[in-house]
PDB file of N, CA and C in Angstrom:
ATOM      1  N   MET A   1       0.861  -1.148   0.043  1.00  0.00           N
ATOM      2  CA  MET A   1      -0.030   0.062  -0.023  1.00  0.00           C
ATOM      3  C   MET A   1       0.921   1.214   0.011  1.00  0.00           C
ATOM      4  N   ASN A   2       0.311   2.382  -0.444  1.00  0.00           N
ATOM      5  CA  ASN A   2       0.967   3.628  -0.468  1.00  0.00           C
ATOM      6  C   ASN A   2       1.246   4.171   0.925  1.00  0.00           C
ATOM      7  N   TYR A   3       1.967   5.300   0.940  1.00  0.00           N
ATOM      8  CA  TYR A   3       2.257   6.106   2.122  1.00  0.00           C
ATOM      9  C   TYR A   3       1.760   7.469   1.927  1.00  0.00           C
ATOM     10  N   VAL A   4       1.209   8.073   3.021  1.00  0.00           N
ATOM     11  CA  VAL A   4       0.608   9.384   2.869  1.00  0.00           C
ATOM     12  C   VAL A   4       1.191  10.394   3.908  1.00  0.00           C
ATOM     13  N   ASP A   5       1.526  11.497   3.417  1.00  0.00           N
ATOM     14  CA  ASP A   5       1.890  12.672   4.371  1.00  0.00           C
ATOM     15  C   ASP A   5       0.628  13.510   4.372  1.00  0.00           C
ATOM     16  N   GLY A   6       0.183  13.793   5.641  1.00  0.00           N
ATOM     17  CA  GLY A   6      -1.039  14.549   5.828  1.00  0.00           C
ATOM     18  C   GLY A   6      -0.707  15.927   6.519  1.00  0.00           C
ATOM     19  N   PHE A   7      -1.418  16.980   6.160  1.00  0.00           N
ATOM     20  CA  PHE A   7      -1.151  18.320   6.674  1.00  0.00           C
ATOM     21  C   PHE A   7      -2.487  19.108   6.944  1.00  0.00           C
ATOM     22  N   VAL A   8      -2.440  19.769   8.070  1.00  0.00           N
ATOM     23  CA  VAL A   8      -3.578  20.761   8.366  1.00  0.00           C
ATOM     24  C   VAL A   8      -2.850  22.079   8.681  1.00  0.00           C
ATOM     25  N   VAL A   9      -3.226  23.150   7.977  1.00  0.00           N
ATOM     26  CA  VAL A   9      -2.522  24.424   8.143  1.00  0.00           C
ATOM     27  C   VAL A   9      -3.413  25.597   8.081  1.00  0.00           C
ATOM     28  N   PRO A  10      -3.177  26.620   8.849  1.00  0.00           N
ATOM     29  CA  PRO A  10      -4.041  27.848   8.751  1.00  0.00           C
ATOM     30  C   PRO A  10      -3.459  28.756   7.702  1.00  0.00           C
ATOM     31  N   VAL A  11      -4.394  29.293   6.865  1.00  0.00           N
ATOM     32  CA  VAL A  11      -4.050  30.101   5.764  1.00  0.00           C
ATOM     33  C   VAL A  11      -4.983  31.381   5.868  1.00  0.00           C
ATOM     34  N   PRO A  12      -4.349  32.537   5.820  1.00  0.00           N
ATOM     35  CA  PRO A  12      -5.253  33.734   5.776  1.00  0.00           C
ATOM     36  C   PRO A  12      -6.218  33.726   4.599  1.00  0.00           C
ATOM     37  N   ARG A  13      -7.419  33.925   4.855  1.00  0.00           N
ATOM     38  CA  ARG A  13      -8.411  33.900   3.747  1.00  0.00           C
ATOM     39  C   ARG A  13      -8.078  34.762   2.571  1.00  0.00           C
ATOM     40  N   GLN A  14      -7.485  35.968   2.874  1.00  0.00           N
ATOM     41  CA  GLN A  14      -7.171  36.814   1.714  1.00  0.00           C
ATOM     42  C   GLN A  14      -5.995  36.348   0.961  1.00  0.00           C
ATOM     43  N   LYS A  15      -5.351  35.270   1.355  1.00  0.00           N
ATOM     44  CA  LYS A  15      -4.203  34.633   0.612  1.00  0.00           C
ATOM     45  C   LYS A  15      -4.585  33.312  -0.054  1.00  0.00           C
ATOM     46  N   ARG A  16      -5.871  33.108  -0.273  1.00  0.00           N
ATOM     47  CA  ARG A  16      -6.214  31.815  -0.928  1.00  0.00           C
ATOM     48  C   ARG A  16      -5.609  31.705  -2.269  1.00  0.00           C
ATOM     49  N   ASP A  17      -5.757  32.725  -3.102  1.00  0.00           N
ATOM     50  CA  ASP A  17      -5.140  32.600  -4.414  1.00  0.00           C
ATOM     51  C   ASP A  17      -3.657  32.407  -4.394  1.00  0.00           C
ATOM     52  N   GLU A  18      -2.969  33.178  -3.494  1.00  0.00           N
ATOM     53  CA  GLU A  18      -1.563  33.043  -3.313  1.00  0.00           C
ATOM     54  C   GLU A  18      -1.123  31.615  -2.907  1.00  0.00           C
ATOM     55  N   TYR A  19      -1.920  31.057  -1.932  1.00  0.00           N
ATOM     56  CA  TYR A  19      -1.767  29.693  -1.431  1.00  0.00           C
ATOM     57  C   TYR A  19      -1.901  28.707  -2.595  1.00  0.00           C
ATOM     58  N   LEU A  20      -2.982  28.863  -3.312  1.00  0.00           N
ATOM     59  CA  LEU A  20      -3.159  27.929  -4.487  1.00  0.00           C
ATOM     60  C   LEU A  20      -2.021  28.046  -5.459  1.00  0.00           C
ATOM     61  N   LYS A  21      -1.633  29.181  -5.821  1.00  0.00           N
ATOM     62  CA  LYS A  21      -0.477  29.341  -6.743  1.00  0.00           C
ATOM     63  C   LYS A  21       0.764  28.626  -6.252  1.00  0.00           C
ATOM     64  N   PHE A  22       1.047  28.793  -4.903  1.00  0.00           N
ATOM     65  CA  PHE A  22       2.126  28.178  -4.227  1.00  0.00           C
ATOM     66  C   PHE A  22       2.019  26.695  -4.284  1.00  0.00           C
ATOM     67  N   ALA A  23       0.838  26.162  -3.975  1.00  0.00           N
ATOM     68  CA  ALA A  23       0.641  24.674  -4.090  1.00  0.00           C
ATOM     69  C   ALA A  23       0.783  24.206  -5.531  1.00  0.00           C
ATOM     70  N   GLN A  24       0.234  24.913  -6.423  1.00  0.00           N
ATOM     71  CA  GLN A  24       0.386  24.503  -7.835  1.00  0.00           C
ATOM     72  C   GLN A  24       1.829  24.483  -8.235  1.00  0.00           C
ATOM     73  N   ALA A  25       2.672  25.359  -7.839  1.00  0.00           N
ATOM     74  CA  ALA A  25       4.059  25.329  -8.113  1.00  0.00           C
ATOM     75  C   ALA A  25       4.874  24.287  -7.454  1.00  0.00           C
ATOM     76  N   MET A  26       4.413  23.869  -6.232  1.00  0.00           N
ATOM     77  CA  MET A  26       5.050  22.839  -5.456  1.00  0.00           C
ATOM     78  C   MET A  26       4.721  21.441  -5.992  1.00  0.00           C
ATOM     79  N   ALA A  27       3.504  21.222  -6.419  1.00  0.00           N
ATOM     80  CA  ALA A  27       3.031  19.915  -6.793  1.00  0.00           C
ATOM     81  C   ALA A  27       3.960  19.212  -7.829  1.00  0.00           C
ATOM     82  N   PRO A  28       4.312  19.847  -8.910  1.00  0.00           N
ATOM     83  CA  PRO A  28       5.150  19.242  -9.883  1.00  0.00           C
ATOM     84  C   PRO A  28       6.506  18.854  -9.327  1.00  0.00           C
ATOM     85  N   ILE A  29       7.020  19.669  -8.357  1.00  0.00           N
ATOM     86  CA  ILE A  29       8.341  19.383  -7.750  1.00  0.00           C
ATOM     87  C   ILE A  29       8.260  18.079  -6.905  1.00  0.00           C
ATOM     88  N   PHE A  30       7.142  18.026  -6.100  1.00  0.00           N
ATOM     89  CA  PHE A  30       6.878  16.820  -5.360  1.00  0.00           C
ATOM     90  C   PHE A  30       6.853  15.573  -6.233  1.00  0.00           C
ATOM     91  N   LYS A  31       6.109  15.700  -7.427  1.00  0.00           N
ATOM     92  CA  LYS A  31       5.959  14.628  -8.311  1.00  0.00           C
ATOM     93  C   LYS A  31       7.301  14.247  -8.967  1.00  0.00           C
ATOM     94  N   GLU A  32       8.159  15.251  -9.310  1.00  0.00           N
ATOM     95  CA  GLU A  32       9.489  14.924  -9.789  1.00  0.00           C
ATOM     96  C   GLU A  32      10.276  14.144  -8.832  1.00  0.00           C
ATOM     97  N   HIS A  33      10.050  14.310  -7.560  1.00  0.00           N
ATOM     98  CA  HIS A  33      10.811  13.566  -6.567  1.00  0.00           C
ATOM     99  C   HIS A  33      10.091  12.343  -6.062  1.00  0.00           C
ATOM    100  N   GLY A  34       9.111  11.893  -6.756  1.00  0.00           N
ATOM    101  CA  GLY A  34       8.474  10.593  -6.439  1.00  0.00           C
ATOM    102  C   GLY A  34       7.026  10.578  -5.973  1.00  0.00           C
ATOM    103  N   ALA A  35       6.470  11.720  -5.565  1.00  0.00           N
ATOM    104  CA  ALA A  35       5.029  11.697  -5.170  1.00  0.00           C
ATOM    105  C   ALA A  35       4.126  11.358  -6.306  1.00  0.00           C
ATOM    106  N   LEU A  36       3.064  10.489  -5.941  1.00  0.00           N
ATOM    107  CA  LEU A  36       2.061  10.109  -6.935  1.00  0.00           C
ATOM    108  C   LEU A  36       0.996  11.189  -7.110  1.00  0.00           C
ATOM    109  N   ARG A  37       0.615  11.884  -6.004  1.00  0.00           N
ATOM    110  CA  ARG A  37      -0.562  12.714  -6.015  1.00  0.00           C
ATOM    111  C   ARG A  37      -0.447  13.715  -4.863  1.00  0.00           C
ATOM    112  N   MET A  38      -0.969  14.916  -5.186  1.00  0.00           N
ATOM    113  CA  MET A  38      -0.967  15.943  -4.067  1.00  0.00           C
ATOM    114  C   MET A  38      -2.406  16.551  -4.103  1.00  0.00           C
ATOM    115  N   VAL A  39      -3.036  16.617  -2.991  1.00  0.00           N
ATOM    116  CA  VAL A  39      -4.409  17.170  -2.812  1.00  0.00           C
ATOM    117  C   VAL A  39      -4.416  18.271  -1.838  1.00  0.00           C
ATOM    118  N   GLU A  40      -5.118  19.383  -2.192  1.00  0.00           N
ATOM    119  CA  GLU A  40      -5.202  20.543  -1.305  1.00  0.00           C
ATOM    120  C   GLU A  40      -6.746  20.837  -1.225  1.00  0.00           C
ATOM    121  N   CYS A  41      -7.184  20.981   0.045  1.00  0.00           N
ATOM    122  CA  CYS A  41      -8.603  21.251   0.326  1.00  0.00           C
ATOM    123  C   CYS A  41      -8.863  22.445   1.150  1.00  0.00           C
ATOM    124  N   TRP A  42      -9.662  23.337   0.708  1.00  0.00           N
ATOM    125  CA  TRP A  42      -9.939  24.612   1.456  1.00  0.00           C
ATOM    126  C   TRP A  42     -11.225  24.329   2.267  1.00  0.00           C
ATOM    127  N   GLU A  43     -11.219  24.817   3.471  1.00  0.00           N
ATOM    128  CA  GLU A  43     -12.343  24.569   4.347  1.00  0.00           C
ATOM    129  C   GLU A  43     -13.734  25.063   3.782  1.00  0.00           C
ATOM    130  N   ASN A  44     -14.729  24.311   4.104  1.00  0.00           N
ATOM    131  CA  ASN A  44     -16.065  24.592   3.633  1.00  0.00           C
ATOM    132  C   ASN A  44     -17.055  24.461   4.796  1.00  0.00           C
ATOM    133  N   ASP A  45     -16.914  23.288   5.545  1.00  0.00           N
ATOM    134  CA  ASP A  45     -17.793  22.991   6.585  1.00  0.00           C
ATOM    135  C   ASP A  45     -16.865  22.413   7.728  1.00  0.00           C
ATOM    136  N   VAL A  46     -16.215  23.382   8.520  1.00  0.00           N
ATOM    137  CA  VAL A  46     -15.255  22.957   9.496  1.00  0.00           C
ATOM    138  C   VAL A  46     -15.670  23.665  10.805  1.00  0.00           C
ATOM    139  N   PRO A  47     -16.456  22.974  11.555  1.00  0.00           N
ATOM    140  CA  PRO A  47     -17.020  23.577  12.831  1.00  0.00           C
ATOM    141  C   PRO A  47     -16.019  23.583  13.910  1.00  0.00           C
ATOM    142  N   ASP A  48     -16.206  24.613  14.830  1.00  0.00           N
ATOM    143  CA  ASP A  48     -15.382  24.637  16.053  1.00  0.00           C
ATOM    144  C   ASP A  48     -15.919  23.506  16.969  1.00  0.00           C
ATOM    145  N   GLY A  49     -14.984  22.888  17.684  1.00  0.00           N
ATOM    146  CA  GLY A  49     -15.386  21.783  18.544  1.00  0.00           C
ATOM    147  C   GLY A  49     -15.419  22.263  19.991  1.00  0.00           C
ATOM    148  N   LYS A  50     -15.886  21.360  20.876  1.00  0.00           N
ATOM    149  CA  LYS A  50     -15.845  21.697  22.383  1.00  0.00           C
ATOM    150  C   LYS A  50     -14.625  21.127  22.952  1.00  0.00           C
ATOM    151  N   LEU A  51     -14.114  19.972  22.495  1.00  0.00           N
ATOM    152  CA  LEU A  51     -12.878  19.411  23.061  1.00  0.00           C
ATOM    153  C   LEU A  51     -11.702  19.455  22.155  1.00  0.00           C
ATOM    154  N   THR A  52     -12.016  19.242  20.828  1.00  0.00           N
ATOM    155  CA  THR A  52     -10.967  19.366  19.823  1.00  0.00           C
ATOM    156  C   THR A  52     -11.686  19.520  18.446  1.00  0.00           C
ATOM    157  N   SER A  53     -10.889  20.053  17.440  1.00  0.00           N
ATOM    158  CA  SER A  53     -11.392  20.261  16.139  1.00  0.00           C
ATOM    159  C   SER A  53     -10.189  20.711  15.310  1.00  0.00           C
ATOM    160  N   PHE A  54     -10.463  20.765  14.003  1.00  0.00           N
ATOM    161  CA  PHE A  54      -9.429  21.273  13.121  1.00  0.00           C
ATOM    162  C   PHE A  54      -9.057  22.731  13.542  1.00  0.00           C
ATOM    163  N   PRO A  55     -10.079  23.663  13.658  1.00  0.00           N
ATOM    164  CA  PRO A  55      -9.719  25.093  14.078  1.00  0.00           C
ATOM    165  C   PRO A  55      -8.943  25.139  15.390  1.00  0.00           C
ATOM    166  N   MET A  56      -9.434  24.312  16.342  1.00  0.00           N
ATOM    167  CA  MET A  56      -8.646  24.438  17.622  1.00  0.00           C
ATOM    168  C   MET A  56      -7.267  23.872  17.516  1.00  0.00           C
ATOM    169  N   ALA A  57      -7.054  22.823  16.730  1.00  0.00           N
ATOM    170  CA  ALA A  57      -5.788  22.133  16.597  1.00  0.00           C
ATOM    171  C   ALA A  57      -4.702  23.045  16.002  1.00  0.00           C
ATOM    172  N   ILE A  58      -5.115  23.942  15.126  1.00  0.00           N
ATOM    173  CA  ILE A  58      -4.192  24.848  14.500  1.00  0.00           C
ATOM    174  C   ILE A  58      -4.322  26.326  14.996  1.00  0.00           C
ATOM    175  N   LYS A  59      -5.068  26.412  15.985  1.00  0.00           N
ATOM    176  CA  LYS A  59      -5.357  27.764  16.581  1.00  0.00           C
ATOM    177  C   LYS A  59      -5.770  28.770  15.555  1.00  0.00           C
ATOM    178  N   ARG A  60      -6.715  28.430  14.712  1.00  0.00           N
ATOM    179  CA  ARG A  60      -7.207  29.232  13.585  1.00  0.00           C
ATOM    180  C   ARG A  60      -7.665  30.528  14.208  1.00  0.00           C
ATOM    181  N   GLU A  61      -7.253  31.624  13.503  1.00  0.00           N
ATOM    182  CA  GLU A  61      -7.775  33.006  13.835  1.00  0.00           C
ATOM    183  C   GLU A  61      -9.011  33.274  12.944  1.00  0.00           C
ATOM    184  N   GLU A  62      -9.729  34.221  13.335  1.00  0.00           N
ATOM    185  CA  GLU A  62     -10.983  34.536  12.565  1.00  0.00           C
ATOM    186  C   GLU A  62     -10.709  34.878  11.103  1.00  0.00           C
ATOM    187  N   SER A  63      -9.639  35.360  10.790  1.00  0.00           N
ATOM    188  CA  SER A  63      -9.241  35.763   9.481  1.00  0.00           C
ATOM    189  C   SER A  63      -8.657  34.696   8.605  1.00  0.00           C
ATOM    190  N   GLU A  64      -8.592  33.451   9.207  1.00  0.00           N
ATOM    191  CA  GLU A  64      -7.942  32.382   8.553  1.00  0.00           C
ATOM    192  C   GLU A  64      -8.869  31.192   8.180  1.00  0.00           C
ATOM    193  N   ALA A  65      -8.474  30.386   7.262  1.00  0.00           N
ATOM    194  CA  ALA A  65      -9.238  29.253   6.843  1.00  0.00           C
ATOM    195  C   ALA A  65      -8.317  27.958   7.170  1.00  0.00           C
ATOM    196  N   VAL A  66      -9.012  26.876   7.366  1.00  0.00           N
ATOM    197  CA  VAL A  66      -8.316  25.604   7.483  1.00  0.00           C
ATOM    198  C   VAL A  66      -8.056  24.970   6.182  1.00  0.00           C
ATOM    199  N   VAL A  67      -6.817  24.586   5.856  1.00  0.00           N
ATOM    200  CA  VAL A  67      -6.499  23.877   4.725  1.00  0.00           C
ATOM    201  C   VAL A  67      -6.049  22.432   5.114  1.00  0.00           C
ATOM    202  N   PHE A  68      -6.676  21.416   4.482  1.00  0.00           N
ATOM    203  CA  PHE A  68      -6.427  20.004   4.755  1.00  0.00           C
ATOM    204  C   PHE A  68      -5.777  19.483   3.439  1.00  0.00           C
ATOM    205  N   SER A  69      -4.620  18.896   3.564  1.00  0.00           N
ATOM    206  CA  SER A  69      -3.883  18.423   2.385  1.00  0.00           C
ATOM    207  C   SER A  69      -3.163  17.121   2.626  1.00  0.00           C
ATOM    208  N   TRP A  70      -2.900  16.433   1.553  1.00  0.00           N
ATOM    209  CA  TRP A  70      -2.148  15.215   1.675  1.00  0.00           C
ATOM    210  C   TRP A  70      -1.340  14.973   0.408  1.00  0.00           C
ATOM    211  N   ILE A  71      -0.255  14.256   0.542  1.00  0.00           N
ATOM    212  CA  ILE A  71       0.593  13.862  -0.579  1.00  0.00           C
ATOM    213  C   ILE A  71       0.707  12.348  -0.541  1.00  0.00           C
ATOM    214  N   VAL A  72       0.492  11.690  -1.673  1.00  0.00           N
ATOM    215  CA  VAL A  72       0.593  10.152  -1.644  1.00  0.00           C
ATOM    216  C   VAL A  72       1.838   9.762  -2.301  1.00  0.00           C
ATOM    217  N   TRP A  73       2.500   8.905  -1.648  1.00  0.00           N
ATOM    218  CA  TRP A  73       3.789   8.313  -2.124  1.00  0.00           C
ATOM    219  C   TRP A  73       3.679   6.865  -2.315  1.00  0.00           C
ATOM    220  N   PRO A  74       4.533   6.193  -3.139  1.00  0.00           N
ATOM    221  CA  PRO A  74       4.433   4.763  -3.353  1.00  0.00           C
ATOM    222  C   PRO A  74       4.799   3.975  -2.102  1.00  0.00           C
ATOM    223  N   SER A  75       5.650   4.525  -1.181  1.00  0.00           N
ATOM    224  CA  SER A  75       6.116   3.848  -0.016  1.00  0.00           C
ATOM    225  C   SER A  75       6.710   4.784   0.963  1.00  0.00           C
ATOM    226  N   ARG A  76       6.952   4.435   2.177  1.00  0.00           N
ATOM    227  CA  ARG A  76       7.622   5.266   3.163  1.00  0.00           C
ATOM    228  C   ARG A  76       9.100   5.575   2.668  1.00  0.00           C
ATOM    229  N   GLU A  77       9.739   4.548   2.081  1.00  0.00           N
ATOM    230  CA  GLU A  77      11.050   4.759   1.600  1.00  0.00           C
ATOM    231  C   GLU A  77      11.112   5.865   0.435  1.00  0.00           C
ATOM    232  N   ALA A  78      10.133   5.723  -0.419  1.00  0.00           N
ATOM    233  CA  ALA A  78      10.009   6.694  -1.584  1.00  0.00           C
ATOM    234  C   ALA A  78       9.823   8.069  -0.948  1.00  0.00           C
ATOM    235  N   ARG A  79       8.941   8.111   0.061  1.00  0.00           N
ATOM    236  CA  ARG A  79       8.677   9.417   0.727  1.00  0.00           C
ATOM    237  C   ARG A  79       9.879  10.086   1.421  1.00  0.00           C
ATOM    238  N   ASP A  80      10.644   9.154   2.113  1.00  0.00           N
ATOM    239  CA  ASP A  80      11.845   9.725   2.812  1.00  0.00           C
ATOM    240  C   ASP A  80      12.793  10.261   1.835  1.00  0.00           C
ATOM    241  N   LYS A  81      13.025   9.499   0.743  1.00  0.00           N
ATOM    242  CA  LYS A  81      13.940  10.008  -0.322  1.00  0.00           C
ATOM    243  C   LYS A  81      13.436  11.150  -1.010  1.00  0.00           C
ATOM    244  N   GLY A  82      12.121  11.125  -1.448  1.00  0.00           N
ATOM    245  CA  GLY A  82      11.541  12.222  -2.161  1.00  0.00           C
ATOM    246  C   GLY A  82      11.426  13.495  -1.338  1.00  0.00           C
ATOM    247  N   MET A  83      11.070  13.324  -0.094  1.00  0.00           N
ATOM    248  CA  MET A  83      10.875  14.649   0.755  1.00  0.00           C
ATOM    249  C   MET A  83      12.269  15.231   0.958  1.00  0.00           C
ATOM    250  N   ALA A  84      13.322  14.442   1.131  1.00  0.00           N
ATOM    251  CA  ALA A  84      14.675  15.036   1.346  1.00  0.00           C
ATOM    252  C   ALA A  84      15.095  15.752   0.026  1.00  0.00           C
ATOM    253  N   ALA A  85      14.786  15.104  -1.049  1.00  0.00           N
ATOM    254  CA  ALA A  85      15.173  15.777  -2.331  1.00  0.00           C
ATOM    255  C   ALA A  85      14.354  17.012  -2.599  1.00  0.00           C
ATOM    256  N   PHE A  86      13.094  16.984  -2.181  1.00  0.00           N
ATOM    257  CA  PHE A  86      12.166  18.147  -2.336  1.00  0.00           C
ATOM    258  C   PHE A  86      12.764  19.382  -1.497  1.00  0.00           C
ATOM    259  N   MET A  87      13.112  19.043  -0.253  1.00  0.00           N
ATOM    260  CA  MET A  87      13.553  20.084   0.616  1.00  0.00           C
ATOM    261  C   MET A  87      14.854  20.704   0.179  1.00  0.00           C
ATOM    262  N   ALA A  88      15.717  19.928  -0.538  1.00  0.00           N
ATOM    263  CA  ALA A  88      16.965  20.383  -0.998  1.00  0.00           C
ATOM    264  C   ALA A  88      16.834  20.959  -2.422  1.00  0.00           C
ATOM    265  N   ASP A  89      15.681  20.991  -3.053  1.00  0.00           N
ATOM    266  CA  ASP A  89      15.475  21.458  -4.346  1.00  0.00           C
ATOM    267  C   ASP A  89      15.510  23.030  -4.315  1.00  0.00           C
ATOM    268  N   PRO A  90      16.330  23.640  -5.139  1.00  0.00           N
ATOM    269  CA  PRO A  90      16.475  25.087  -5.118  1.00  0.00           C
ATOM    270  C   PRO A  90      15.252  25.827  -5.520  1.00  0.00           C
ATOM    271  N   ARG A  91      14.250  25.160  -6.164  1.00  0.00           N
ATOM    272  CA  ARG A  91      12.940  25.811  -6.452  1.00  0.00           C
ATOM    273  C   ARG A  91      12.002  25.967  -5.276  1.00  0.00           C
ATOM    274  N   VAL A  92      12.378  25.248  -4.171  1.00  0.00           N
ATOM    275  CA  VAL A  92      11.565  25.264  -2.985  1.00  0.00           C
ATOM    276  C   VAL A  92      11.992  26.448  -2.001  1.00  0.00           C
ATOM    277  N   PRO A  93      11.136  27.431  -1.696  1.00  0.00           N
ATOM    278  CA  PRO A  93      11.522  28.459  -0.880  1.00  0.00           C
ATOM    279  C   PRO A  93      12.023  27.957   0.479  1.00  0.00           C
ATOM    280  N   GLN A  94      13.152  28.487   0.937  1.00  0.00           N
ATOM    281  CA  GLN A  94      13.745  28.027   2.243  1.00  0.00           C
ATOM    282  C   GLN A  94      13.410  29.038   3.372  1.00  0.00           C
ATOM    283  N   ASP A  95      13.001  30.225   2.983  1.00  0.00           N
ATOM    284  CA  ASP A  95      12.585  31.239   3.999  1.00  0.00           C
ATOM    285  C   ASP A  95      11.047  31.011   4.426  1.00  0.00           C
ATOM    286  N   PRO A  96      10.925  30.625   5.727  1.00  0.00           N
ATOM    287  CA  PRO A  96       9.510  30.442   6.077  1.00  0.00           C
ATOM    288  C   PRO A  96       8.540  31.660   5.905  1.00  0.00           C
ATOM    289  N   THR A  97       9.103  32.859   5.910  1.00  0.00           N
ATOM    290  CA  THR A  97       8.254  33.973   5.674  1.00  0.00           C
ATOM    291  C   THR A  97       7.748  34.124   4.246  1.00  0.00           C
ATOM    292  N   ALA A  98       8.389  33.299   3.331  1.00  0.00           N
ATOM    293  CA  ALA A  98       7.933  33.333   1.974  1.00  0.00           C
ATOM    294  C   ALA A  98       6.725  32.410   1.767  1.00  0.00           C
ATOM    295  N   MET A  99       6.280  31.667   2.717  1.00  0.00           N
ATOM    296  CA  MET A  99       5.205  30.744   2.656  1.00  0.00           C
ATOM    297  C   MET A  99       3.898  31.566   2.841  1.00  0.00           C
ATOM    298  N   PRO A 100       2.787  31.323   2.099  1.00  0.00           N
ATOM    299  CA  PRO A 100       1.512  32.017   2.317  1.00  0.00           C
ATOM    300  C   PRO A 100       0.735  31.357   3.491  1.00  0.00           C
ATOM    301  N   PHE A 101       1.416  30.868   4.523  1.00  0.00           N
ATOM    302  CA  PHE A 101       0.618  30.291   5.606  1.00  0.00           C
ATOM    303  C   PHE A 101       1.580  30.346   6.878  1.00  0.00           C
ATOM    304  N   ASP A 102       1.097  30.055   8.044  1.00  0.00           N
ATOM    305  CA  ASP A 102       1.894  30.029   9.204  1.00  0.00           C
ATOM    306  C   ASP A 102       2.378  28.598   9.486  1.00  0.00           C
ATOM    307  N   GLY A 103       3.607  28.191   9.077  1.00  0.00           N
ATOM    308  CA  GLY A 103       4.123  26.970   9.218  1.00  0.00           C
ATOM    309  C   GLY A 103       4.329  26.474  10.704  1.00  0.00           C
ATOM    310  N   LYS A 104       4.357  27.416  11.627  1.00  0.00           N
ATOM    311  CA  LYS A 104       4.560  27.104  12.992  1.00  0.00           C
ATOM    312  C   LYS A 104       3.278  26.419  13.597  1.00  0.00           C
ATOM    313  N   ARG A 105       2.102  26.685  12.976  1.00  0.00           N
ATOM    314  CA  ARG A 105       0.902  26.048  13.474  1.00  0.00           C
ATOM    315  C   ARG A 105       0.407  24.956  12.543  1.00  0.00           C
ATOM    316  N   MET A 106       1.245  24.550  11.637  1.00  0.00           N
ATOM    317  CA  MET A 106       0.917  23.356  10.801  1.00  0.00           C
ATOM    318  C   MET A 106       1.001  22.079  11.559  1.00  0.00           C
ATOM    319  N   ILE A 107       0.021  21.248  11.383  1.00  0.00           N
ATOM    320  CA  ILE A 107       0.023  19.857  11.867  1.00  0.00           C
ATOM    321  C   ILE A 107       0.434  18.945  10.696  1.00  0.00           C
ATOM    322  N   PHE A 108       1.303  17.999  10.906  1.00  0.00           N
ATOM    323  CA  PHE A 108       1.724  17.153   9.830  1.00  0.00           C
ATOM    324  C   PHE A 108       2.024  15.772  10.373  1.00  0.00           C
ATOM    325  N   GLY A 109       2.020  14.845   9.507  1.00  0.00           N
ATOM    326  CA  GLY A 109       2.560  13.481   9.940  1.00  0.00           C
ATOM    327  C   GLY A 109       2.421  12.511   8.765  1.00  0.00           C
ATOM    328  N   GLY A 110       3.123  11.386   8.837  1.00  0.00           N
ATOM    329  CA  GLY A 110       3.112  10.404   7.857  1.00  0.00           C
ATOM    330  C   GLY A 110       2.348   9.154   8.264  1.00  0.00           C
ATOM    331  N   PHE A 111       1.699   8.601   7.307  1.00  0.00           N
ATOM    332  CA  PHE A 111       0.656   7.537   7.628  1.00  0.00           C
ATOM    333  C   PHE A 111       0.767   6.341   6.684  1.00  0.00           C
ATOM    334  N   ASP A 112       0.703   5.143   7.154  1.00  0.00           N
ATOM    335  CA  ASP A 112       0.556   3.914   6.305  1.00  0.00           C
ATOM    336  C   ASP A 112      -0.870   3.747   5.938  1.00  0.00           C
ATOM    337  N   VAL A 113      -1.120   3.552   4.681  1.00  0.00           N
ATOM    338  CA  VAL A 113      -2.566   3.420   4.181  1.00  0.00           C
ATOM    339  C   VAL A 113      -2.916   2.026   4.598  1.00  0.00           C
ATOM    340  N   ILE A 114      -4.042   1.830   5.295  1.00  0.00           N
ATOM    341  CA  ILE A 114      -4.558   0.533   5.687  1.00  0.00           C
ATOM    342  C   ILE A 114      -5.804   0.177   4.949  1.00  0.00           C
ATOM    343  N   LEU A 115      -6.485   1.120   4.287  1.00  0.00           N
ATOM    344  CA  LEU A 115      -7.717   0.914   3.485  1.00  0.00           C
ATOM    345  C   LEU A 115      -7.738   1.957   2.433  1.00  0.00           C
ATOM    346  N   ASP A 116      -7.986   1.588   1.157  1.00  0.00           N
ATOM    347  CA  ASP A 116      -8.151   2.507   0.062  1.00  0.00           C
ATOM    348  C   ASP A 116      -9.153   1.919  -0.903  1.00  0.00           C
ATOM    349  N   GLN A 117     -10.371   2.281  -0.763  1.00  0.00           N
ATOM    350  CA  GLN A 117     -11.406   1.661  -1.660  1.00  0.00           C
ATOM    351  C   GLN A 117     -12.036   2.617  -2.613  1.00  0.00           C
TER     352      GLN A 117
END
């Protein structure tokens, strides 16, 4: 089965187009380094929770939206190699302030796929 990197990140609502352009620029680079697929989702129905929720987890501010995304890789090994190559790629911004989101509040992790129907 494939391996998936998942992300939840706060993005200023006024930067939606900038974020989309950024993601569109990064997707081919991820694919060059072995990713099979990259999906970006902008919040539509993301309620606040009482104990936990997407907004609470990323400390979303009123002016921000929740973005939920994932990258599919053929395997964990392909992801480790591909992510290292991606991060070293000169086309990838190294300055965190160049990102159209607050990376300090990003939640991320790698997952083994156990069901894909």
